[in-house]
Amino acid sequence: MVMATDAGRVLARLEERSARERPELDTLNAQGARYTRAAAPRLMLDVGPDVGRLLNTLVRRGRARRVVEIGGSVGYSTIWLADAVADTGGSLVTIEADAGKVAELRRNVADAGFAGMVRIEHGDAAEIVPELPYPFDVVLIDHWKDLYIREFDLVWPRLAAGGVVVADNILEPEATAEQMRAYVEHVRKVPGACSHTLPLGAGVELTIRDHAPEESW
């Protein structure tokens, strides 16, 4: 995988920032999820390079055409996804609820050279996802953990056969472990779903649809 020079430069800068933020983030996570959430507007809370590469590979190998990200933050995972979408000729929509992060997200995506191919939506995924064209091929869920099940249930009926939902932070931090266990239990009971936990980064759950949804589009 060869990444565009501008995208690689922006990712490297964001990874340096993530490393600087890590000690504080670890302290906040140890104190409890509400402390991390309160500080979230000024922290990246990124997926990290291992999961970034996984996302990029899933889009490329699946020749994904419609990709959705719920929880764009400042654009780290967005850039990994956009780099792959540039190869497949598809489209990427990223949704971010925090206005300050949306502004930074736009700057980082533009600096990486992907401004023209990423649709950035500011708001609640519950209002935005139903308005998006589908079927989706790849969906990333990476924001408030208490909303993971809600977001999965939003996107699952709109997921293509062979499509995949990727959920981050399944194994870490311990502060959200109960919510993540509930999420994993939920997705593994869904008919037509094949779901596995991968120990990459903070842990990801890959849930693949093995047949087309009953709903017509």
C-alpha atoms as a PDB file:
ATOM      1  CA  MET A   1       0.000   0.000   0.000  1.00  0.00           C
ATOM      2  CA  VAL A   2       1.447   3.322  -1.117  1.00  0.00           C
ATOM      3  CA  MET A   3      -0.194   6.364   0.460  1.00  0.00           C
ATOM      4  CA  ALA A   4      -0.260   9.828  -1.075  1.00  0.00           C
ATOM      5  CA  THR A   5       2.507  12.078   0.278  1.00  0.00           C
ATOM      6  CA  ASP A   6       0.145  14.698   1.740  1.00  0.00           C
ATOM      7  CA  ALA A   7      -1.985  12.060   3.469  1.00  0.00           C
ATOM      8  CA  GLY A   8       1.058  10.379   4.967  1.00  0.00           C
ATOM      9  CA  ARG A   9       2.356  13.708   6.238  1.00  0.00           C
ATOM     10  CA  VAL A  10      -0.940  14.574   7.950  1.00  0.00           C
ATOM     11  CA  LEU A  11      -1.231  11.111   9.485  1.00  0.00           C
ATOM     12  CA  ALA A  12       2.303  11.362  10.860  1.00  0.00           C
ATOM     13  CA  ARG A  13       1.480  14.727  12.431  1.00  0.00           C
ATOM     14  CA  LEU A  14      -1.687  13.358  13.998  1.00  0.00           C
ATOM     15  CA  GLU A  15       0.134  10.294  15.299  1.00  0.00           C
ATOM     16  CA  GLU A  16       2.642  12.554  17.029  1.00  0.00           C
ATOM     17  CA  ARG A  17      -0.234  14.425  18.648  1.00  0.00           C
ATOM     18  CA  SER A  18      -1.866  11.152  19.703  1.00  0.00           C
ATOM     19  CA  ALA A  19       1.359  10.046  21.387  1.00  0.00           C
ATOM     20  CA  ARG A  20       1.502  13.330  23.319  1.00  0.00           C
ATOM     21  CA  GLU A  21      -2.100  12.908  24.446  1.00  0.00           C
ATOM     22  CA  ARG A  22      -1.732   9.262  25.478  1.00  0.00           C
ATOM     23  CA  PRO A  23      -0.574   9.800  29.111  1.00  0.00           C
ATOM     24  CA  GLU A  24      -3.502  12.111  29.848  1.00  0.00           C
ATOM     25  CA  LEU A  25      -5.940   9.797  28.073  1.00  0.00           C
ATOM     26  CA  ASP A  26      -4.754   6.804  30.073  1.00  0.00           C
ATOM     27  CA  THR A  27      -5.248   8.779  33.299  1.00  0.00           C
ATOM     28  CA  LEU A  28      -8.750   9.864  32.279  1.00  0.00           C
ATOM     29  CA  ASN A  29      -9.743   6.329  31.267  1.00  0.00           C
ATOM     30  CA  ALA A  30      -8.536   5.032  34.619  1.00  0.00           C
ATOM     31  CA  GLN A  31     -10.705   7.603  36.405  1.00  0.00           C
ATOM     32  CA  GLY A  32     -13.809   6.638  34.440  1.00  0.00           C
ATOM     33  CA  ALA A  33     -15.599   7.077  31.126  1.00  0.00           C
ATOM     34  CA  ARG A  34     -17.279  10.338  32.162  1.00  0.00           C
ATOM     35  CA  TYR A  35     -13.895  12.000  32.658  1.00  0.00           C
ATOM     36  CA  THR A  36     -12.751  10.968  29.189  1.00  0.00           C
ATOM     37  CA  ARG A  37     -16.020  12.157  27.685  1.00  0.00           C
ATOM     38  CA  ALA A  38     -15.702  15.558  29.349  1.00  0.00           C
ATOM     39  CA  ALA A  39     -12.225  16.018  27.868  1.00  0.00           C
ATOM     40  CA  ALA A  40     -13.120  14.557  24.470  1.00  0.00           C
ATOM     41  CA  PRO A  41     -13.568  17.870  22.593  1.00  0.00           C
ATOM     42  CA  ARG A  42      -9.832  18.567  22.887  1.00  0.00           C
ATOM     43  CA  LEU A  43      -8.529  15.008  22.434  1.00  0.00           C
ATOM     44  CA  MET A  44      -8.117  12.990  19.234  1.00  0.00           C
ATOM     45  CA  LEU A  45      -9.353   9.631  20.558  1.00  0.00           C
ATOM     46  CA  ASP A  46      -8.076   8.048  17.345  1.00  0.00           C
ATOM     47  CA  VAL A  47      -8.091   4.417  16.214  1.00  0.00           C
ATOM     48  CA  GLY A  48      -4.288   4.266  15.842  1.00  0.00           C
ATOM     49  CA  PRO A  49      -2.178   3.103  12.885  1.00  0.00           C
ATOM     50  CA  ASP A  50      -2.899  -0.633  13.102  1.00  0.00           C
ATOM     51  CA  VAL A  51      -6.654  -0.145  12.879  1.00  0.00           C
ATOM     52  CA  GLY A  52      -6.137   2.598  10.290  1.00  0.00           C
ATOM     53  CA  ARG A  53      -4.329   0.133   8.033  1.00  0.00           C
ATOM     54  CA  LEU A  54      -7.057  -2.442   8.616  1.00  0.00           C
ATOM     55  CA  LEU A  55      -9.738   0.031   7.540  1.00  0.00           C
ATOM     56  CA  ASN A  56      -7.751   0.981   4.463  1.00  0.00           C
ATOM     57  CA  THR A  57      -7.294  -2.677   3.535  1.00  0.00           C
ATOM     58  CA  LEU A  58     -10.966  -3.562   4.045  1.00  0.00           C
ATOM     59  CA  VAL A  59     -12.044  -0.796   1.677  1.00  0.00           C
ATOM     60  CA  ARG A  60      -9.423  -1.622  -0.953  1.00  0.00           C
ATOM     61  CA  ARG A  61      -9.784  -5.411  -0.902  1.00  0.00           C
ATOM     62  CA  GLY A  62     -13.577  -5.228  -0.853  1.00  0.00           C
ATOM     63  CA  ARG A  63     -13.588  -2.574  -3.590  1.00  0.00           C
ATOM     64  CA  ALA A  64     -15.989  -0.686  -1.332  1.00  0.00           C
ATOM     65  CA  ARG A  65     -18.051   1.990  -3.050  1.00  0.00           C
ATOM     66  CA  ARG A  66     -20.036   3.441  -0.145  1.00  0.00           C
ATOM     67  CA  VAL A  67     -18.192   3.988   3.124  1.00  0.00           C
ATOM     68  CA  VAL A  68     -19.605   5.612   6.257  1.00  0.00           C
ATOM     69  CA  GLU A  69     -17.740   6.721   9.363  1.00  0.00           C
ATOM     70  CA  ILE A  70     -19.667   7.508  12.554  1.00  0.00           C
ATOM     71  CA  GLY A  71     -17.328   9.514  14.762  1.00  0.00           C
ATOM     72  CA  GLY A  72     -14.852  11.303  12.518  1.00  0.00           C
ATOM     73  CA  SER A  73     -13.162  13.244  15.350  1.00  0.00           C
ATOM     74  CA  VAL A  74     -10.289  15.258  13.826  1.00  0.00           C
ATOM     75  CA  GLY A  75      -9.956  13.066  10.751  1.00  0.00           C
ATOM     76  CA  TYR A  76      -7.314  10.439  11.519  1.00  0.00           C
ATOM     77  CA  SER A  77      -9.383   7.406  10.530  1.00  0.00           C
ATOM     78  CA  THR A  78     -11.130   9.527   7.886  1.00  0.00           C
ATOM     79  CA  ILE A  79      -7.836   9.958   6.046  1.00  0.00           C
ATOM     80  CA  TRP A  80      -7.098   6.219   6.140  1.00  0.00           C
ATOM     81  CA  LEU A  81     -10.560   5.555   4.693  1.00  0.00           C
ATOM     82  CA  ALA A  82     -10.361   8.359   2.129  1.00  0.00           C
ATOM     83  CA  ASP A  83      -7.027   7.106   0.835  1.00  0.00           C
ATOM     84  CA  ALA A  84      -8.651   3.746   0.087  1.00  0.00           C
ATOM     85  CA  VAL A  85     -11.830   5.269  -1.361  1.00  0.00           C
ATOM     86  CA  ALA A  86      -9.646   7.248  -3.769  1.00  0.00           C
ATOM     87  CA  ASP A  87      -8.465   3.884  -5.076  1.00  0.00           C
ATOM     88  CA  THR A  88     -11.918   2.276  -5.357  1.00  0.00           C
ATOM     89  CA  GLY A  89     -13.608   5.329  -6.854  1.00  0.00           C
ATOM     90  CA  GLY A  90     -16.239   5.239  -4.135  1.00  0.00           C
ATOM     91  CA  SER A  91     -17.640   7.782  -1.698  1.00  0.00           C
ATOM     92  CA  LEU A  92     -16.998   8.461   1.981  1.00  0.00           C
ATOM     93  CA  VAL A  93     -19.334  10.150   4.452  1.00  0.00           C
ATOM     94  CA  THR A  94     -18.002  10.974   7.906  1.00  0.00           C
ATOM     95  CA  ILE A  95     -20.277  12.096  10.749  1.00  0.00           C
ATOM     96  CA  GLU A  96     -19.045  14.126  13.724  1.00  0.00           C
ATOM     97  CA  ALA A  97     -21.215  15.642  16.464  1.00  0.00           C
ATOM     98  CA  ASP A  98     -18.699  18.123  17.938  1.00  0.00           C
ATOM     99  CA  ALA A  99     -18.570  21.443  16.071  1.00  0.00           C
ATOM    100  CA  GLY A 100     -14.970  22.185  17.034  1.00  0.00           C
ATOM    101  CA  LYS A 101     -13.838  18.805  15.802  1.00  0.00           C
ATOM    102  CA  VAL A 102     -15.742  19.238  12.552  1.00  0.00           C
ATOM    103  CA  ALA A 103     -13.697  22.349  11.785  1.00  0.00           C
ATOM    104  CA  GLU A 104     -10.434  20.521  12.474  1.00  0.00           C
ATOM    105  CA  LEU A 105     -11.661  17.490  10.572  1.00  0.00           C
ATOM    106  CA  ARG A 106     -12.254  19.642   7.494  1.00  0.00           C
ATOM    107  CA  ARG A 107      -8.777  21.171   7.712  1.00  0.00           C
ATOM    108  CA  ASN A 108      -7.028  17.837   8.105  1.00  0.00           C
ATOM    109  CA  VAL A 109      -8.956  16.192   5.279  1.00  0.00           C
ATOM    110  CA  ALA A 110      -8.163  19.152   3.018  1.00  0.00           C
ATOM    111  CA  ASP A 111      -4.476  19.122   4.009  1.00  0.00           C
ATOM    112  CA  ALA A 112      -4.351  15.423   3.145  1.00  0.00           C
ATOM    113  CA  GLY A 113      -5.697  16.172  -0.335  1.00  0.00           C
ATOM    114  CA  PHE A 114      -9.114  14.561   0.071  1.00  0.00           C
ATOM    115  CA  ALA A 115     -11.440  17.559   0.410  1.00  0.00           C
ATOM    116  CA  GLY A 116     -13.238  16.783  -2.826  1.00  0.00           C
ATOM    117  CA  MET A 117     -14.059  13.169  -2.023  1.00  0.00           C
ATOM    118  CA  VAL A 118     -15.169  13.269   1.623  1.00  0.00           C
ATOM    119  CA  ARG A 119     -18.648  14.418   2.644  1.00  0.00           C
ATOM    120  CA  ILE A 120     -18.456  15.740   6.204  1.00  0.00           C
ATOM    121  CA  GLU A 121     -21.704  15.844   8.178  1.00  0.00           C
ATOM    122  CA  HIS A 122     -22.063  17.666  11.496  1.00  0.00           C
ATOM    123  CA  GLY A 123     -24.783  16.271  13.718  1.00  0.00           C
ATOM    124  CA  ASP A 124     -26.426  13.179  15.173  1.00  0.00           C
ATOM    125  CA  ALA A 125     -25.995   9.951  13.233  1.00  0.00           C
ATOM    126  CA  ALA A 126     -29.591   9.022  14.076  1.00  0.00           C
ATOM    127  CA  GLU A 127     -30.744  11.918  11.885  1.00  0.00           C
ATOM    128  CA  ILE A 128     -28.062  11.716   9.197  1.00  0.00           C
ATOM    129  CA  VAL A 129     -27.724   7.990   8.449  1.00  0.00           C
ATOM    130  CA  PRO A 130     -31.364   7.481   7.324  1.00  0.00           C
ATOM    131  CA  GLU A 131     -30.857  10.189   4.691  1.00  0.00           C
ATOM    132  CA  LEU A 132     -27.728   8.654   3.151  1.00  0.00           C
ATOM    133  CA  PRO A 133     -27.776   6.633  -0.090  1.00  0.00           C
ATOM    134  CA  TYR A 134     -27.187   2.939   0.517  1.00  0.00           C
ATOM    135  CA  PRO A 135     -26.307   0.000   0.568  1.00  0.00           C
ATOM    136  CA  PHE A 136     -23.156   0.676   2.588  1.00  0.00           C
ATOM    137  CA  ASP A 137     -20.093  -1.478   2.038  1.00  0.00           C
ATOM    138  CA  VAL A 138     -17.947  -0.482   5.039  1.00  0.00           C
ATOM    139  CA  VAL A 139     -19.077   1.313   8.195  1.00  0.00           C
ATOM    140  CA  LEU A 140     -16.842   2.444  11.077  1.00  0.00           C
ATOM    141  CA  ILE A 141     -18.414   3.112  14.481  1.00  0.00           C
ATOM    142  CA  ASP A 142     -16.065   4.993  16.791  1.00  0.00           C
ATOM    143  CA  HIS A 143     -17.710   7.460  19.152  1.00  0.00           C
ATOM    144  CA  TRP A 144     -19.736   7.291  22.388  1.00  0.00           C
ATOM    145  CA  LYS A 145     -19.845   3.681  23.472  1.00  0.00           C
ATOM    146  CA  ASP A 146     -23.359   3.869  24.879  1.00  0.00           C
ATOM    147  CA  LEU A 147     -24.574   4.593  21.332  1.00  0.00           C
ATOM    148  CA  TYR A 148     -22.825   1.711  19.577  1.00  0.00           C
ATOM    149  CA  ILE A 149     -25.851  -0.591  19.570  1.00  0.00           C
ATOM    150  CA  ARG A 150     -28.093   2.207  18.343  1.00  0.00           C
ATOM    151  CA  GLU A 151     -25.704   3.027  15.500  1.00  0.00           C
ATOM    152  CA  PHE A 152     -25.268  -0.619  14.542  1.00  0.00           C
ATOM    153  CA  ASP A 153     -29.033  -1.058  14.333  1.00  0.00           C
ATOM    154  CA  LEU A 154     -29.189   2.064  12.147  1.00  0.00           C
ATOM    155  CA  VAL A 155     -26.654   0.868   9.598  1.00  0.00           C
ATOM    156  CA  TRP A 156     -27.266  -2.893   9.564  1.00  0.00           C
ATOM    157  CA  PRO A 157     -30.476  -2.802   7.459  1.00  0.00           C
ATOM    158  CA  ARG A 158     -28.576  -0.601   4.994  1.00  0.00           C
ATOM    159  CA  LEU A 159     -25.494  -2.811   4.743  1.00  0.00           C
ATOM    160  CA  ALA A 160     -24.748  -4.638   1.494  1.00  0.00           C
ATOM    161  CA  ALA A 161     -24.219  -8.397   1.320  1.00  0.00           C
ATOM    162  CA  GLY A 162     -20.580  -8.920   2.224  1.00  0.00           C
ATOM    163  CA  GLY A 163     -20.472  -5.485   3.836  1.00  0.00           C
ATOM    164  CA  VAL A 164     -18.715  -4.994   7.165  1.00  0.00           C
ATOM    165  CA  VAL A 165     -19.319  -2.912  10.291  1.00  0.00           C
ATOM    166  CA  VAL A 166     -16.136  -2.129  12.226  1.00  0.00           C
ATOM    167  CA  ALA A 167     -16.507  -1.072  15.871  1.00  0.00           C
ATOM    168  CA  ASP A 168     -13.466   0.308  17.721  1.00  0.00           C
ATOM    169  CA  ASN A 169     -12.486   0.129  21.426  1.00  0.00           C
ATOM    170  CA  ILE A 170     -13.893  -3.338  22.001  1.00  0.00           C
ATOM    171  CA  LEU A 171     -11.081  -4.419  24.357  1.00  0.00           C
ATOM    172  CA  GLU A 172      -9.944  -1.064  25.781  1.00  0.00           C
ATOM    173  CA  PRO A 173     -10.388   0.982  27.887  1.00  0.00           C
ATOM    174  CA  GLU A 174     -11.642  -0.954  30.883  1.00  0.00           C
ATOM    175  CA  ALA A 175     -13.961   1.960  31.718  1.00  0.00           C
ATOM    176  CA  THR A 176     -16.267   1.032  28.801  1.00  0.00           C
ATOM    177  CA  ALA A 177     -15.835  -2.740  28.968  1.00  0.00           C
ATOM    178  CA  GLU A 178     -19.412  -3.413  30.090  1.00  0.00           C
ATOM    179  CA  GLN A 179     -20.851  -1.409  27.181  1.00  0.00           C
ATOM    180  CA  MET A 180     -18.568  -3.164  24.719  1.00  0.00           C
ATOM    181  CA  ARG A 181     -19.539  -6.589  26.033  1.00  0.00           C
ATOM    182  CA  ALA A 182     -23.177  -5.639  25.505  1.00  0.00           C
ATOM    183  CA  TYR A 183     -22.381  -4.516  21.955  1.00  0.00           C
ATOM    184  CA  VAL A 184     -20.558  -7.741  21.081  1.00  0.00           C
ATOM    185  CA  GLU A 185     -23.369  -9.839  22.544  1.00  0.00           C
ATOM    186  CA  HIS A 186     -25.887  -7.813  20.525  1.00  0.00           C
ATOM    187  CA  VAL A 187     -24.196  -8.100  17.124  1.00  0.00           C
ATOM    188  CA  ARG A 188     -23.480 -11.803  17.533  1.00  0.00           C
ATOM    189  CA  LYS A 189     -27.192 -12.503  17.908  1.00  0.00           C
ATOM    190  CA  VAL A 190     -28.137 -10.736  14.663  1.00  0.00           C
ATOM    191  CA  PRO A 191     -29.376 -13.116  11.928  1.00  0.00           C
ATOM    192  CA  GLY A 192     -27.098 -13.131   8.913  1.00  0.00           C
ATOM    193  CA  ALA A 193     -24.134 -11.686  10.825  1.00  0.00           C
ATOM    194  CA  CYS A 194     -20.676 -13.194  11.201  1.00  0.00           C
ATOM    195  CA  SER A 195     -18.792 -11.309  13.909  1.00  0.00           C
ATOM    196  CA  HIS A 196     -15.277 -11.586  15.359  1.00  0.00           C
ATOM    197  CA  THR A 197     -13.097  -9.570  17.730  1.00  0.00           C
ATOM    198  CA  LEU A 198      -9.612  -8.694  16.467  1.00  0.00           C
ATOM    199  CA  PRO A 199      -6.939  -7.683  19.012  1.00  0.00           C
ATOM    200  CA  LEU A 200      -5.701  -4.725  16.963  1.00  0.00           C
ATOM    201  CA  GLY A 201      -5.210  -1.363  18.650  1.00  0.00           C
ATOM    202  CA  ALA A 202      -7.840  -1.095  21.374  1.00  0.00           C
ATOM    203  CA  GLY A 203      -9.690  -4.046  19.850  1.00  0.00           C
ATOM    204  CA  VAL A 204     -12.145  -4.044  16.963  1.00  0.00           C
ATOM    205  CA  GLU A 205     -15.282  -6.032  16.287  1.00  0.00           C
ATOM    206  CA  LEU A 206     -15.759  -6.934  12.615  1.00  0.00           C
ATOM    207  CA  THR A 207     -19.348  -7.828  11.783  1.00  0.00           C
ATOM    208  CA  ILE A 208     -19.907  -9.042   8.231  1.00  0.00           C
ATOM    209  CA  ARG A 209     -23.272  -9.450   6.507  1.00  0.00           C
ATOM    210  CA  ASP A 210     -23.449 -12.816   4.808  1.00  0.00           C
ATOM    211  CA  HIS A 211     -26.537 -12.137   2.693  1.00  0.00           C
ATOM    212  CA  ALA A 212     -28.461  -9.193   1.289  1.00  0.00           C
ATOM    213  CA  PRO A 213     -30.886  -7.356   3.588  1.00  0.00           C
ATOM    214  CA  GLU A 214     -34.557  -8.081   3.059  1.00  0.00           C
ATOM    215  CA  GLU A 215     -35.327  -4.414   2.481  1.00  0.00           C
ATOM    216  CA  SER A 216     -35.231  -3.383  -1.160  1.00  0.00           C
ATOM    217  CA  TRP A 217     -33.445  -0.328  -2.432  1.00  0.00           C
END
